[in-house]
Amino acid sequence: MDVASGYTVRLAVGVDTGTTPTGGGLGGDGAPSGVPGGTPPGGTPPTGAPPAPPSD
């Protein structure tokens, strides 16, 4: 095998099908469950179109 041919990876993952699903999904604010709410780090993201690049 050589790097140019690529690699194959296999990962065995156990799934417990005996537990009751809890849903997960999105919260009321659109964030996945378990994600803390509030303002994101760095403040509120900007809105609108990005500024145009400078013209030379």
Protein backbone atom coordinates (compact mmCIF):
# COMPACT_ATOMS: atom_id res chain seq x y z
CA MET A 1 0.00 0.00 0.00
CA ASP A 2 1.21 3.49 -0.75
CA VAL A 3 -0.11 6.97 0.09
CA ALA A 4 -1.22 7.65 -3.49
CA SER A 5 -3.60 4.65 -3.34
CA GLY A 6 -5.41 6.05 -0.29
CA TYR A 7 -6.47 4.45 2.95
CA THR A 8 -9.49 2.54 4.20
CA VAL A 9 -10.68 3.04 7.77
CA ARG A 10 -13.20 0.93 9.65
CA LEU A 11 -14.71 1.82 12.99
CA ALA A 12 -16.91 -0.59 14.91
CA VAL A 13 -19.56 1.26 16.92
CA GLY A 14 -21.91 -0.43 19.35
CA VAL A 15 -25.52 0.76 19.39
CA ASP A 16 -27.74 0.07 22.38
CA THR A 17 -31.16 -0.51 20.84
CA GLY A 18 -32.68 -1.37 24.22
CA THR A 19 -32.85 2.21 25.50
CA THR A 20 -35.73 4.59 24.92
CA PRO A 21 -34.88 7.37 22.42
CA THR A 22 -34.82 10.83 24.00
CA GLY A 23 -35.25 12.86 20.82
CA GLY A 24 -32.34 15.28 20.71
CA GLY A 25 -33.37 17.66 17.96
CA LEU A 26 -33.42 21.45 17.97
CA GLY A 27 -34.47 23.72 20.80
CA GLY A 28 -36.77 26.70 20.47
CA ASP A 29 -33.85 28.91 19.41
CA GLY A 30 -32.77 26.54 16.62
CA ALA A 31 -29.68 25.32 18.49
CA PRO A 32 -29.14 21.58 19.06
CA SER A 33 -30.20 20.33 22.47
CA GLY A 34 -27.45 20.55 25.08
CA VAL A 35 -25.94 23.70 23.58
CA PRO A 36 -25.87 26.62 26.02
CA GLY A 37 -28.10 29.52 25.07
CA GLY A 38 -27.41 33.22 25.12
CA THR A 39 -25.21 35.50 23.06
CA PRO A 40 -22.37 33.68 21.28
CA PRO A 41 -18.75 34.46 22.21
CA GLY A 42 -17.65 37.67 20.51
CA GLY A 43 -21.11 39.23 20.63
CA THR A 44 -24.05 39.14 18.30
CA PRO A 45 -23.14 38.11 14.74
CA PRO A 46 -23.47 40.80 12.06
CA THR A 47 -26.54 40.89 9.83
CA GLY A 48 -26.96 41.86 6.21
CA ALA A 49 -24.65 41.49 3.26
CA PRO A 50 -20.88 41.58 3.82
CA PRO A 51 -19.08 44.76 2.76
CA ALA A 52 -17.76 44.92 -0.80
CA PRO A 53 -14.03 44.31 -1.21
CA PRO A 54 -11.90 47.37 -1.93
CA SER A 55 -11.40 48.18 -5.59
CA ASP A 56 -7.88 48.83 -6.81
